[in-house]
Amino acid sequence: MNSAQPKLFGSAAATANLGTVLLYALGEFQSRGHELANRELALDRLHMAFVRACEHLGMPEISDEAAANGLRDLGASVTEIPAYVAKRPYRVKISAELCRRAADVFAKHGV
């Protein structure tokens, strides 16, 4: 049985912090061949990377607001846009340095 999978009536044990999950997700996004550094992306483009990172690291799925705030804390530029424009109303710009950190975290935690 996969130890990261929660029990039927329990919750997943937090094995990583939000920053690690976000960095892992950004590294995973880059590993799929997507350009990330110094590009403005809709948060929706990164959503599935966040879902996969939470699943891989044994964390419950994070909200869009938590992801946006966590990315800000890591040093990303996050712009909120009107909710009627997009389902996930944030635009994110990741620096090259943050991309390097993310690639390191992704490599450290393996595939």
N, C-alpha and C. Protein backbone atom coordinates (compact mmCIF):
# COMPACT_ATOMS: atom_id res chain seq x y z
N MET A 1 0.85 -1.19 0.00
CA MET A 1 0.00 0.00 0.00
C MET A 1 0.88 1.24 0.00
N ASN A 2 0.53 2.21 -0.77
CA ASN A 2 1.28 3.46 -0.86
C ASN A 2 1.12 4.24 0.44
N SER A 3 2.24 4.56 1.10
CA SER A 3 2.17 5.25 2.38
C SER A 3 1.70 6.70 2.25
N ALA A 4 1.80 7.29 1.04
CA ALA A 4 1.35 8.66 0.84
C ALA A 4 -0.16 8.74 0.66
N GLN A 5 -0.81 7.61 0.42
CA GLN A 5 -2.24 7.61 0.20
C GLN A 5 -2.97 7.66 1.53
N PRO A 6 -3.92 8.60 1.71
CA PRO A 6 -4.64 8.68 2.98
C PRO A 6 -5.58 7.49 3.15
N LYS A 7 -5.86 7.18 4.39
CA LYS A 7 -6.82 6.12 4.69
C LYS A 7 -8.22 6.64 4.35
N LEU A 8 -9.19 5.75 4.28
CA LEU A 8 -10.53 6.10 3.86
C LEU A 8 -11.12 7.25 4.68
N PHE A 9 -10.96 7.19 6.00
CA PHE A 9 -11.56 8.22 6.85
C PHE A 9 -10.53 9.12 7.50
N GLY A 10 -9.32 9.05 7.05
CA GLY A 10 -8.26 9.88 7.61
C GLY A 10 -7.82 10.92 6.61
N SER A 11 -6.79 11.66 6.97
CA SER A 11 -6.23 12.64 6.05
C SER A 11 -4.76 12.32 5.85
N ALA A 12 -4.22 12.82 4.75
CA ALA A 12 -2.82 12.56 4.44
C ALA A 12 -1.93 13.27 5.45
N ALA A 13 -0.91 12.61 5.87
CA ALA A 13 0.05 13.23 6.78
C ALA A 13 0.91 14.19 5.98
N ALA A 14 1.10 15.37 6.50
CA ALA A 14 1.90 16.37 5.80
C ALA A 14 3.37 15.96 5.88
N THR A 15 3.95 15.63 4.75
CA THR A 15 5.34 15.20 4.72
C THR A 15 6.23 16.28 4.13
N ALA A 16 5.67 17.35 3.65
CA ALA A 16 6.44 18.44 3.07
C ALA A 16 5.71 19.74 3.35
N ASN A 17 6.45 20.84 3.31
CA ASN A 17 5.79 22.13 3.51
C ASN A 17 5.33 22.71 2.18
N LEU A 18 4.56 23.77 2.23
CA LEU A 18 3.98 24.37 1.03
C LEU A 18 5.06 24.82 0.05
N GLY A 19 6.12 25.42 0.56
CA GLY A 19 7.20 25.89 -0.31
C GLY A 19 7.83 24.75 -1.10
N THR A 20 8.05 23.62 -0.43
CA THR A 20 8.63 22.46 -1.09
C THR A 20 7.70 21.93 -2.17
N VAL A 21 6.41 21.87 -1.86
CA VAL A 21 5.42 21.40 -2.84
C VAL A 21 5.41 22.30 -4.07
N LEU A 22 5.42 23.61 -3.86
CA LEU A 22 5.39 24.54 -4.98
C LEU A 22 6.67 24.46 -5.80
N LEU A 23 7.81 24.39 -5.13
CA LEU A 23 9.07 24.27 -5.86
C LEU A 23 9.13 22.96 -6.65
N TYR A 24 8.69 21.87 -6.03
CA TYR A 24 8.65 20.59 -6.73
C TYR A 24 7.77 20.70 -7.97
N ALA A 25 6.61 21.33 -7.82
CA ALA A 25 5.67 21.48 -8.95
C ALA A 25 6.29 22.30 -10.08
N LEU A 26 6.96 23.39 -9.73
CA LEU A 26 7.59 24.21 -10.76
C LEU A 26 8.72 23.44 -11.45
N GLY A 27 9.48 22.68 -10.68
CA GLY A 27 10.54 21.85 -11.27
C GLY A 27 9.97 20.77 -12.18
N GLU A 28 8.88 20.16 -11.75
CA GLU A 28 8.22 19.13 -12.55
C GLU A 28 7.67 19.73 -13.85
N PHE A 29 7.10 20.93 -13.76
CA PHE A 29 6.57 21.63 -14.94
C PHE A 29 7.70 21.85 -15.96
N GLN A 30 8.86 22.28 -15.47
CA GLN A 30 10.00 22.51 -16.35
C GLN A 30 10.53 21.20 -16.94
N SER A 31 10.49 20.13 -16.15
CA SER A 31 11.00 18.85 -16.62
C SER A 31 10.18 18.30 -17.78
N ARG A 32 8.97 18.77 -17.92
CA ARG A 32 8.10 18.34 -19.02
C ARG A 32 8.37 19.16 -20.29
N GLY A 33 9.39 20.01 -20.24
CA GLY A 33 9.78 20.77 -21.42
C GLY A 33 9.10 22.12 -21.56
N HIS A 34 8.40 22.56 -20.52
CA HIS A 34 7.72 23.85 -20.59
C HIS A 34 8.65 24.96 -20.12
N GLU A 35 8.66 26.05 -20.85
CA GLU A 35 9.46 27.22 -20.49
C GLU A 35 8.76 27.95 -19.34
N LEU A 36 9.51 28.27 -18.31
CA LEU A 36 8.91 28.90 -17.13
C LEU A 36 9.58 30.23 -16.78
N ALA A 37 10.88 30.31 -16.92
CA ALA A 37 11.64 31.48 -16.46
C ALA A 37 11.23 32.75 -17.19
N ASN A 38 10.93 33.77 -16.39
CA ASN A 38 10.64 35.11 -16.88
C ASN A 38 9.50 35.18 -17.89
N ARG A 39 8.54 34.26 -17.77
CA ARG A 39 7.32 34.28 -18.58
C ARG A 39 6.14 34.47 -17.67
N GLU A 40 5.18 35.24 -18.09
CA GLU A 40 3.95 35.36 -17.32
C GLU A 40 3.00 34.25 -17.76
N LEU A 41 2.58 33.43 -16.80
CA LEU A 41 1.68 32.32 -17.07
C LEU A 41 0.42 32.44 -16.23
N ALA A 42 -0.66 31.95 -16.75
CA ALA A 42 -1.88 31.85 -15.97
C ALA A 42 -1.67 30.74 -14.93
N LEU A 43 -2.16 30.94 -13.73
CA LEU A 43 -2.04 29.93 -12.69
C LEU A 43 -2.66 28.62 -13.15
N ASP A 44 -3.66 28.69 -14.00
CA ASP A 44 -4.31 27.50 -14.52
C ASP A 44 -3.33 26.59 -15.26
N ARG A 45 -2.33 27.17 -15.93
CA ARG A 45 -1.31 26.37 -16.63
C ARG A 45 -0.49 25.54 -15.66
N LEU A 46 -0.36 26.00 -14.42
CA LEU A 46 0.46 25.31 -13.42
C LEU A 46 -0.36 24.40 -12.51
N HIS A 47 -1.66 24.47 -12.59
CA HIS A 47 -2.54 23.77 -11.64
C HIS A 47 -2.26 22.27 -11.55
N MET A 48 -2.19 21.60 -12.67
CA MET A 48 -1.98 20.15 -12.63
C MET A 48 -0.60 19.79 -12.08
N ALA A 49 0.38 20.64 -12.28
CA ALA A 49 1.70 20.41 -11.68
C ALA A 49 1.58 20.47 -10.16
N PHE A 50 0.77 21.39 -9.65
CA PHE A 50 0.54 21.48 -8.20
C PHE A 50 -0.16 20.22 -7.69
N VAL A 51 -1.14 19.75 -8.44
CA VAL A 51 -1.87 18.54 -8.05
C VAL A 51 -0.93 17.35 -8.00
N ARG A 52 -0.10 17.19 -9.04
CA ARG A 52 0.85 16.07 -9.08
C ARG A 52 1.87 16.17 -7.96
N ALA A 53 2.33 17.38 -7.64
CA ALA A 53 3.31 17.57 -6.58
C ALA A 53 2.71 17.20 -5.22
N CYS A 54 1.49 17.62 -4.97
CA CYS A 54 0.82 17.28 -3.71
C CYS A 54 0.68 15.77 -3.59
N GLU A 55 0.28 15.15 -4.66
CA GLU A 55 0.11 13.70 -4.67
C GLU A 55 1.44 12.99 -4.42
N HIS A 56 2.48 13.43 -5.10
CA HIS A 56 3.79 12.79 -4.98
C HIS A 56 4.38 12.97 -3.58
N LEU A 57 4.17 14.15 -2.98
CA LEU A 57 4.76 14.46 -1.68
C LEU A 57 3.84 14.14 -0.51
N GLY A 58 2.67 13.57 -0.80
CA GLY A 58 1.76 13.16 0.27
C GLY A 58 1.06 14.30 0.99
N MET A 59 0.77 15.36 0.25
CA MET A 59 0.08 16.52 0.82
C MET A 59 -1.34 16.60 0.28
N PRO A 60 -2.25 17.17 1.07
CA PRO A 60 -3.58 17.42 0.51
C PRO A 60 -3.48 18.51 -0.57
N GLU A 61 -4.39 18.49 -1.52
CA GLU A 61 -4.37 19.47 -2.59
C GLU A 61 -4.50 20.88 -2.04
N ILE A 62 -3.79 21.81 -2.63
CA ILE A 62 -3.79 23.19 -2.15
C ILE A 62 -4.76 24.04 -2.97
N SER A 63 -5.27 25.09 -2.35
CA SER A 63 -6.18 26.00 -3.04
C SER A 63 -5.39 26.94 -3.94
N ASP A 64 -6.08 27.58 -4.85
CA ASP A 64 -5.43 28.55 -5.73
C ASP A 64 -4.86 29.71 -4.93
N GLU A 65 -5.59 30.16 -3.91
CA GLU A 65 -5.13 31.26 -3.08
C GLU A 65 -3.87 30.88 -2.31
N ALA A 66 -3.83 29.65 -1.78
CA ALA A 66 -2.64 29.19 -1.06
C ALA A 66 -1.45 29.09 -2.01
N ALA A 67 -1.69 28.61 -3.22
CA ALA A 67 -0.62 28.52 -4.22
C ALA A 67 -0.10 29.92 -4.56
N ALA A 68 -1.01 30.86 -4.80
CA ALA A 68 -0.60 32.22 -5.15
C ALA A 68 0.19 32.86 -4.01
N ASN A 69 -0.29 32.72 -2.78
CA ASN A 69 0.43 33.29 -1.64
C ASN A 69 1.77 32.61 -1.42
N GLY A 70 1.81 31.30 -1.58
CA GLY A 70 3.07 30.56 -1.43
C GLY A 70 4.08 30.96 -2.49
N LEU A 71 3.62 31.15 -3.72
CA LEU A 71 4.52 31.59 -4.78
C LEU A 71 5.06 32.99 -4.49
N ARG A 72 4.21 33.87 -3.97
CA ARG A 72 4.68 35.20 -3.57
C ARG A 72 5.77 35.09 -2.50
N ASP A 73 5.54 34.22 -1.52
CA ASP A 73 6.51 34.02 -0.45
C ASP A 73 7.85 33.52 -0.98
N LEU A 74 7.81 32.74 -2.06
CA LEU A 74 9.04 32.23 -2.68
C LEU A 74 9.74 33.28 -3.54
N GLY A 75 9.06 34.38 -3.82
CA GLY A 75 9.67 35.45 -4.60
C GLY A 75 9.12 35.60 -6.01
N ALA A 76 8.10 34.85 -6.34
CA ALA A 76 7.48 34.98 -7.66
C ALA A 76 6.62 36.23 -7.70
N SER A 77 6.44 36.76 -8.88
CA SER A 77 5.54 37.89 -9.08
C SER A 77 4.15 37.32 -9.39
N VAL A 78 3.19 37.62 -8.54
CA VAL A 78 1.83 37.11 -8.71
C VAL A 78 0.88 38.29 -8.83
N THR A 79 0.11 38.31 -9.91
CA THR A 79 -0.86 39.37 -10.15
C THR A 79 -2.25 38.77 -10.13
N GLU A 80 -3.14 39.40 -9.35
CA GLU A 80 -4.53 38.94 -9.33
C GLU A 80 -5.29 39.68 -10.42
N ILE A 81 -6.11 38.93 -11.15
CA ILE A 81 -6.92 39.52 -12.20
C ILE A 81 -8.39 39.31 -11.83
N PRO A 82 -9.31 40.00 -12.48
CA PRO A 82 -10.73 39.81 -12.15
C PRO A 82 -11.18 38.37 -12.33
N ALA A 83 -12.02 37.90 -11.44
CA ALA A 83 -12.49 36.51 -11.45
C ALA A 83 -13.27 36.17 -12.72
N TYR A 84 -13.89 37.15 -13.36
CA TYR A 84 -14.66 36.85 -14.57
C TYR A 84 -13.75 36.58 -15.78
N VAL A 85 -12.46 36.86 -15.65
CA VAL A 85 -11.51 36.66 -16.75
C VAL A 85 -11.02 35.22 -16.81
N ALA A 86 -10.84 34.60 -15.63
CA ALA A 86 -10.27 33.24 -15.59
C ALA A 86 -10.78 32.47 -14.39
N LYS A 87 -10.81 31.17 -14.52
CA LYS A 87 -11.25 30.31 -13.43
C LYS A 87 -10.30 30.44 -12.23
N ARG A 88 -9.01 30.50 -12.51
CA ARG A 88 -8.00 30.70 -11.47
C ARG A 88 -7.40 32.08 -11.74
N PRO A 89 -7.91 33.11 -11.04
CA PRO A 89 -7.63 34.50 -11.43
C PRO A 89 -6.27 35.04 -10.98
N TYR A 90 -5.21 34.36 -11.37
CA TYR A 90 -3.87 34.82 -11.05
C TYR A 90 -2.97 34.63 -12.25
N ARG A 91 -2.03 35.55 -12.41
CA ARG A 91 -0.96 35.44 -13.39
C ARG A 91 0.34 35.38 -12.59
N VAL A 92 1.25 34.50 -13.02
CA VAL A 92 2.46 34.25 -12.27
C VAL A 92 3.67 34.45 -13.16
N LYS A 93 4.70 35.10 -12.63
CA LYS A 93 5.97 35.25 -13.34
C LYS A 93 7.06 34.75 -12.40
N ILE A 94 7.82 33.76 -12.87
CA ILE A 94 8.84 33.10 -12.08
C ILE A 94 10.22 33.54 -12.57
N SER A 95 11.07 33.95 -11.66
CA SER A 95 12.42 34.38 -12.03
C SER A 95 13.29 33.17 -12.40
N ALA A 96 14.38 33.43 -13.10
CA ALA A 96 15.31 32.36 -13.48
C ALA A 96 15.91 31.71 -12.23
N GLU A 97 16.21 32.50 -11.22
CA GLU A 97 16.77 31.96 -9.97
C GLU A 97 15.78 31.01 -9.30
N LEU A 98 14.52 31.39 -9.24
CA LEU A 98 13.50 30.53 -8.65
C LEU A 98 13.33 29.25 -9.47
N CYS A 99 13.47 29.36 -10.78
CA CYS A 99 13.40 28.17 -11.64
C CYS A 99 14.55 27.21 -11.33
N ARG A 100 15.75 27.75 -11.07
CA ARG A 100 16.88 26.90 -10.72
C ARG A 100 16.64 26.20 -9.39
N ARG A 101 16.12 26.94 -8.42
CA ARG A 101 15.80 26.33 -7.11
C ARG A 101 14.77 25.23 -7.28
N ALA A 102 13.77 25.48 -8.11
CA ALA A 102 12.72 24.49 -8.34
C ALA A 102 13.28 23.24 -8.99
N ALA A 103 14.17 23.40 -9.95
CA ALA A 103 14.77 22.25 -10.61
C ALA A 103 15.59 21.44 -9.61
N ASP A 104 16.27 22.10 -8.68
CA ASP A 104 17.04 21.40 -7.64
C ASP A 104 16.14 20.60 -6.71
N VAL A 105 15.02 21.20 -6.30
CA VAL A 105 14.08 20.51 -5.42
C VAL A 105 13.47 19.31 -6.14
N PHE A 106 13.13 19.48 -7.40
CA PHE A 106 12.57 18.38 -8.17
C PHE A 106 13.56 17.23 -8.28
N ALA A 107 14.82 17.56 -8.55
CA ALA A 107 15.86 16.53 -8.67
C ALA A 107 16.09 15.84 -7.32
N LYS A 108 16.04 16.59 -6.24
CA LYS A 108 16.28 16.05 -4.91
C LYS A 108 15.20 15.05 -4.50
N HIS A 109 13.95 15.34 -4.82
CA HIS A 109 12.83 14.51 -4.41
C HIS A 109 12.53 13.40 -5.40
N GLY A 110 13.27 13.35 -6.48
CA GLY A 110 13.13 12.24 -7.44
C GLY A 110 11.79 12.22 -8.14
N VAL A 111 11.70 11.32 -9.06
CA VAL A 111 10.49 11.24 -9.89
C VAL A 111 9.59 10.16 -9.38
